[in-house]
PDB file of N, CA and C in Angstrom:
ATOM      1  N   MET A   1       0.848  -1.188   0.000  1.00  0.00           N
ATOM      2  CA  MET A   1       0.000   0.000   0.000  1.00  0.00           C
ATOM      3  C   MET A   1       0.882   1.236   0.000  1.00  0.00           C
ATOM      4  N   ILE A   2       0.633   2.115  -0.931  1.00  0.00           N
ATOM      5  CA  ILE A   2       1.438   3.325  -1.060  1.00  0.00           C
ATOM      6  C   ILE A   2       0.937   4.413  -0.121  1.00  0.00           C
ATOM      7  N   ASP A   3      -0.357   4.572  -0.037  1.00  0.00           N
ATOM      8  CA  ASP A   3      -0.942   5.659   0.752  1.00  0.00           C
ATOM      9  C   ASP A   3      -0.885   5.384   2.247  1.00  0.00           C
ATOM     10  N   ASN A   4      -0.781   6.450   3.000  1.00  0.00           N
ATOM     11  CA  ASN A   4      -0.936   6.383   4.446  1.00  0.00           C
ATOM     12  C   ASN A   4      -2.403   6.684   4.713  1.00  0.00           C
ATOM     13  N   PRO A   5      -3.190   5.691   5.129  1.00  0.00           N
ATOM     14  CA  PRO A   5      -4.635   5.902   5.289  1.00  0.00           C
ATOM     15  C   PRO A   5      -4.994   7.061   6.216  1.00  0.00           C
ATOM     16  N   GLY A   6      -4.255   7.240   7.289  1.00  0.00           N
ATOM     17  CA  GLY A   6      -4.547   8.324   8.224  1.00  0.00           C
ATOM     18  C   GLY A   6      -4.324   9.688   7.589  1.00  0.00           C
ATOM     19  N   GLN A   7      -3.195   9.844   6.899  1.00  0.00           N
ATOM     20  CA  GLN A   7      -2.910  11.112   6.229  1.00  0.00           C
ATOM     21  C   GLN A   7      -3.920  11.384   5.121  1.00  0.00           C
ATOM     22  N   THR A   8      -4.258  10.346   4.388  1.00  0.00           N
ATOM     23  CA  THR A   8      -5.226  10.490   3.297  1.00  0.00           C
ATOM     24  C   THR A   8      -6.567  10.971   3.827  1.00  0.00           C
ATOM     25  N   GLU A   9      -7.036  10.370   4.894  1.00  0.00           N
ATOM     26  CA  GLU A   9      -8.326  10.752   5.479  1.00  0.00           C
ATOM     27  C   GLU A   9      -8.301  12.191   5.981  1.00  0.00           C
ATOM     28  N   ARG A  10      -7.198  12.592   6.617  1.00  0.00           N
ATOM     29  CA  ARG A  10      -7.089  13.978   7.113  1.00  0.00           C
ATOM     30  C   ARG A  10      -7.075  14.971   5.950  1.00  0.00           C
ATOM     31  N   LEU A  11      -6.350  14.646   4.883  1.00  0.00           N
ATOM     32  CA  LEU A  11      -6.306  15.533   3.727  1.00  0.00           C
ATOM     33  C   LEU A  11      -7.681  15.660   3.085  1.00  0.00           C
ATOM     34  N   LEU A  12      -8.370  14.546   2.881  1.00  0.00           N
ATOM     35  CA  LEU A  12      -9.703  14.590   2.285  1.00  0.00           C
ATOM     36  C   LEU A  12     -10.672  15.406   3.135  1.00  0.00           C
ATOM     37  N   THR A  13     -10.588  15.260   4.435  1.00  0.00           N
ATOM     38  CA  THR A  13     -11.458  16.025   5.340  1.00  0.00           C
ATOM     39  C   THR A  13     -11.212  17.519   5.174  1.00  0.00           C
ATOM     40  N   ARG A  14      -9.937  17.913   5.111  1.00  0.00           N
ATOM     41  CA  ARG A  14      -9.612  19.336   4.961  1.00  0.00           C
ATOM     42  C   ARG A  14     -10.045  19.869   3.594  1.00  0.00           C
ATOM     43  N   LEU A  15      -9.831  19.074   2.552  1.00  0.00           N
ATOM     44  CA  LEU A  15     -10.233  19.511   1.215  1.00  0.00           C
ATOM     45  C   LEU A  15     -11.751  19.632   1.108  1.00  0.00           C
ATOM     46  N   GLN A  16     -12.473  18.670   1.660  1.00  0.00           N
ATOM     47  CA  GLN A  16     -13.939  18.716   1.594  1.00  0.00           C
ATOM     48  C   GLN A  16     -14.491  19.903   2.368  1.00  0.00           C
ATOM     49  N   ALA A  17     -13.818  20.303   3.445  1.00  0.00           N
ATOM     50  CA  ALA A  17     -14.266  21.468   4.219  1.00  0.00           C
ATOM     51  C   ALA A  17     -14.092  22.761   3.415  1.00  0.00           C
ATOM     52  N   ALA A  18     -13.205  22.749   2.419  1.00  0.00           N
ATOM     53  CA  ALA A  18     -12.948  23.945   1.617  1.00  0.00           C
ATOM     54  C   ALA A  18     -13.850  24.034   0.384  1.00  0.00           C
ATOM     55  N   LEU A  19     -14.689  23.033   0.176  1.00  0.00           N
ATOM     56  CA  LEU A  19     -15.562  23.025  -1.005  1.00  0.00           C
ATOM     57  C   LEU A  19     -16.727  23.985  -0.833  1.00  0.00           C
ATOM     58  N   PRO A  20     -17.237  24.572  -1.886  1.00  0.00           N
ATOM     59  CA  PRO A  20     -16.699  24.508  -3.240  1.00  0.00           C
ATOM     60  C   PRO A  20     -15.459  25.385  -3.353  1.00  0.00           C
ATOM     61  N   MET A  21     -14.520  24.969  -4.208  1.00  0.00           N
ATOM     62  CA  MET A  21     -13.318  25.772  -4.420  1.00  0.00           C
ATOM     63  C   MET A  21     -13.185  26.115  -5.902  1.00  0.00           C
ATOM     64  N   PRO A  22     -12.721  27.319  -6.187  1.00  0.00           N
ATOM     65  CA  PRO A  22     -12.597  27.730  -7.585  1.00  0.00           C
ATOM     66  C   PRO A  22     -11.459  26.979  -8.268  1.00  0.00           C
ATOM     67  N   ALA A  23     -11.613  26.770  -9.560  1.00  0.00           N
ATOM     68  CA  ALA A  23     -10.585  26.104 -10.356  1.00  0.00           C
ATOM     69  C   ALA A  23     -10.654  26.632 -11.778  1.00  0.00           C
ATOM     70  N   ARG A  24      -9.605  26.390 -12.514  1.00  0.00           N
ATOM     71  CA  ARG A  24      -9.581  26.743 -13.939  1.00  0.00           C
ATOM     72  C   ARG A  24      -9.433  25.460 -14.734  1.00  0.00           C
ATOM     73  N   MET A  25     -10.250  25.329 -15.742  1.00  0.00           N
ATOM     74  CA  MET A  25     -10.232  24.142 -16.581  1.00  0.00           C
ATOM     75  C   MET A  25      -9.075  24.238 -17.578  1.00  0.00           C
ATOM     76  N   THR A  26      -8.335  23.149 -17.734  1.00  0.00           N
ATOM     77  CA  THR A  26      -7.254  23.138 -18.714  1.00  0.00           C
ATOM     78  C   THR A  26      -7.848  23.048 -20.120  1.00  0.00           C
ATOM     79  N   PRO A  27      -7.134  23.536 -21.110  1.00  0.00           N
ATOM     80  CA  PRO A  27      -7.627  23.411 -22.487  1.00  0.00           C
ATOM     81  C   PRO A  27      -7.855  21.941 -22.880  1.00  0.00           C
ATOM     82  N   GLU A  28      -7.032  21.045 -22.355  1.00  0.00           N
ATOM     83  CA  GLU A  28      -7.186  19.619 -22.672  1.00  0.00           C
ATOM     84  C   GLU A  28      -8.495  19.067 -22.116  1.00  0.00           C
ATOM     85  N   LEU A  29      -8.848  19.453 -20.893  1.00  0.00           N
ATOM     86  CA  LEU A  29     -10.107  18.986 -20.312  1.00  0.00           C
ATOM     87  C   LEU A  29     -11.292  19.574 -21.062  1.00  0.00           C
ATOM     88  N   ALA A  30     -11.214  20.853 -21.397  1.00  0.00           N
ATOM     89  CA  ALA A  30     -12.304  21.480 -22.149  1.00  0.00           C
ATOM     90  C   ALA A  30     -12.495  20.785 -23.497  1.00  0.00           C
ATOM     91  N   ALA A  31     -11.392  20.421 -24.156  1.00  0.00           N
ATOM     92  CA  ALA A  31     -11.482  19.717 -25.440  1.00  0.00           C
ATOM     93  C   ALA A  31     -12.111  18.343 -25.266  1.00  0.00           C
ATOM     94  N   THR A  32     -11.827  17.686 -24.157  1.00  0.00           N
ATOM     95  CA  THR A  32     -12.410  16.369 -23.879  1.00  0.00           C
ATOM     96  C   THR A  32     -13.912  16.478 -23.664  1.00  0.00           C
ATOM     97  N   LEU A  33     -14.360  17.544 -23.018  1.00  0.00           N
ATOM     98  CA  LEU A  33     -15.785  17.733 -22.740  1.00  0.00           C
ATOM     99  C   LEU A  33     -16.575  18.201 -23.957  1.00  0.00           C
ATOM    100  N   ARG A  34     -15.888  18.836 -24.898  1.00  0.00           N
ATOM    101  CA  ARG A  34     -16.549  19.363 -26.092  1.00  0.00           C
ATOM    102  C   ARG A  34     -16.874  18.219 -27.050  1.00  0.00           C
ATOM    103  N   THR A  35     -18.095  18.190 -27.537  1.00  0.00           N
ATOM    104  CA  THR A  35     -18.527  17.197 -28.518  1.00  0.00           C
ATOM    105  C   THR A  35     -19.187  17.924 -29.676  1.00  0.00           C
ATOM    106  N   PRO A  36     -19.369  17.239 -30.804  1.00  0.00           N
ATOM    107  CA  PRO A  36     -20.061  17.895 -31.920  1.00  0.00           C
ATOM    108  C   PRO A  36     -21.474  18.360 -31.550  1.00  0.00           C
ATOM    109  N   GLU A  37     -22.101  17.695 -30.579  1.00  0.00           N
ATOM    110  CA  GLU A  37     -23.463  18.057 -30.162  1.00  0.00           C
ATOM    111  C   GLU A  37     -23.491  19.163 -29.117  1.00  0.00           C
ATOM    112  N   THR A  38     -22.321  19.555 -28.596  1.00  0.00           N
ATOM    113  CA  THR A  38     -22.268  20.572 -27.553  1.00  0.00           C
ATOM    114  C   THR A  38     -22.696  21.921 -28.109  1.00  0.00           C
ATOM    115  N   THR A  39     -23.744  22.474 -27.519  1.00  0.00           N
ATOM    116  CA  THR A  39     -24.222  23.783 -27.967  1.00  0.00           C
ATOM    117  C   THR A  39     -23.854  24.884 -26.987  1.00  0.00           C
ATOM    118  N   THR A  40     -23.506  24.510 -25.765  1.00  0.00           N
ATOM    119  CA  THR A  40     -23.112  25.522 -24.786  1.00  0.00           C
ATOM    120  C   THR A  40     -21.592  25.626 -24.752  1.00  0.00           C
ATOM    121  N   GLU A  41     -21.119  26.791 -24.399  1.00  0.00           N
ATOM    122  CA  GLU A  41     -19.682  27.019 -24.306  1.00  0.00           C
ATOM    123  C   GLU A  41     -19.148  26.371 -23.029  1.00  0.00           C
ATOM    124  N   ILE A  42     -17.969  25.794 -23.123  1.00  0.00           N
ATOM    125  CA  ILE A  42     -17.311  25.214 -21.948  1.00  0.00           C
ATOM    126  C   ILE A  42     -16.508  26.347 -21.299  1.00  0.00           C
ATOM    127  N   PRO A  43     -16.881  26.779 -20.085  1.00  0.00           N
ATOM    128  CA  PRO A  43     -16.187  27.911 -19.461  1.00  0.00           C
ATOM    129  C   PRO A  43     -14.806  27.503 -18.934  1.00  0.00           C
ATOM    130  N   ALA A  44     -13.886  28.450 -18.908  1.00  0.00           N
ATOM    131  CA  ALA A  44     -12.554  28.184 -18.366  1.00  0.00           C
ATOM    132  C   ALA A  44     -12.598  28.129 -16.842  1.00  0.00           C
ATOM    133  N   ALA A  45     -13.447  28.948 -16.230  1.00  0.00           N
ATOM    134  CA  ALA A  45     -13.569  28.969 -14.767  1.00  0.00           C
ATOM    135  C   ALA A  45     -14.649  27.984 -14.338  1.00  0.00           C
ATOM    136  N   CYS A  46     -14.369  27.255 -13.293  1.00  0.00           N
ATOM    137  CA  CYS A  46     -15.346  26.300 -12.789  1.00  0.00           C
ATOM    138  C   CYS A  46     -15.182  26.176 -11.275  1.00  0.00           C
ATOM    139  N   SER A  47     -16.017  25.366 -10.660  1.00  0.00           N
ATOM    140  CA  SER A  47     -15.941  25.121  -9.217  1.00  0.00           C
ATOM    141  C   SER A  47     -15.852  23.628  -8.960  1.00  0.00           C
ATOM    142  N   ILE A  48     -14.969  23.262  -8.053  1.00  0.00           N
ATOM    143  CA  ILE A  48     -14.889  21.875  -7.597  1.00  0.00           C
ATOM    144  C   ILE A  48     -15.913  21.738  -6.484  1.00  0.00           C
ATOM    145  N   ILE A  49     -16.910  20.865  -6.683  1.00  0.00           N
ATOM    146  CA  ILE A  49     -17.988  20.738  -5.710  1.00  0.00           C
ATOM    147  C   ILE A  49     -17.973  19.391  -4.987  1.00  0.00           C
ATOM    148  N   ALA A  50     -17.148  18.450  -5.447  1.00  0.00           N
ATOM    149  CA  ALA A  50     -17.087  17.137  -4.802  1.00  0.00           C
ATOM    150  C   ALA A  50     -15.717  16.524  -5.045  1.00  0.00           C
ATOM    151  N   LEU A  51     -15.305  15.681  -4.115  1.00  0.00           N
ATOM    152  CA  LEU A  51     -14.047  14.935  -4.234  1.00  0.00           C
ATOM    153  C   LEU A  51     -14.347  13.462  -4.042  1.00  0.00           C
ATOM    154  N   HIS A  52     -13.638  12.642  -4.805  1.00  0.00           N
ATOM    155  CA  HIS A  52     -13.774  11.194  -4.669  1.00  0.00           C
ATOM    156  C   HIS A  52     -12.390  10.584  -4.656  1.00  0.00           C
ATOM    157  N   TYR A  53     -12.105   9.773  -3.674  1.00  0.00           N
ATOM    158  CA  TYR A  53     -10.808   9.139  -3.547  1.00  0.00           C
ATOM    159  C   TYR A  53     -10.880   7.742  -4.165  1.00  0.00           C
ATOM    160  N   ALA A  54     -10.002   7.470  -5.115  1.00  0.00           N
ATOM    161  CA  ALA A  54     -10.031   6.187  -5.837  1.00  0.00           C
ATOM    162  C   ALA A  54      -8.968   5.211  -5.334  1.00  0.00           C
ATOM    163  N   GLY A  55      -8.242   5.573  -4.316  1.00  0.00           N
ATOM    164  CA  GLY A  55      -7.237   4.658  -3.789  1.00  0.00           C
ATOM    165  C   GLY A  55      -5.903   4.809  -4.487  1.00  0.00           C
ATOM    166  N   ASN A  56      -5.069   3.808  -4.291  1.00  0.00           N
ATOM    167  CA  ASN A  56      -3.700   3.847  -4.848  1.00  0.00           C
ATOM    168  C   ASN A  56      -3.738   4.090  -6.324  1.00  0.00           C
TER     169      ASN A  56
END
């Protein structure tokens, strides 16, 4: 196991307490979200509203 479970839990708790937090979308992520059917603009500014830990 690479992660320290105690440290991971403390970090997630602190990050979740700071939600929502502002973020900027990378051009690569915006390109991934854009599809031929997309009619709305993908904004550069966004908010992180949830975190999910996937493990190692």
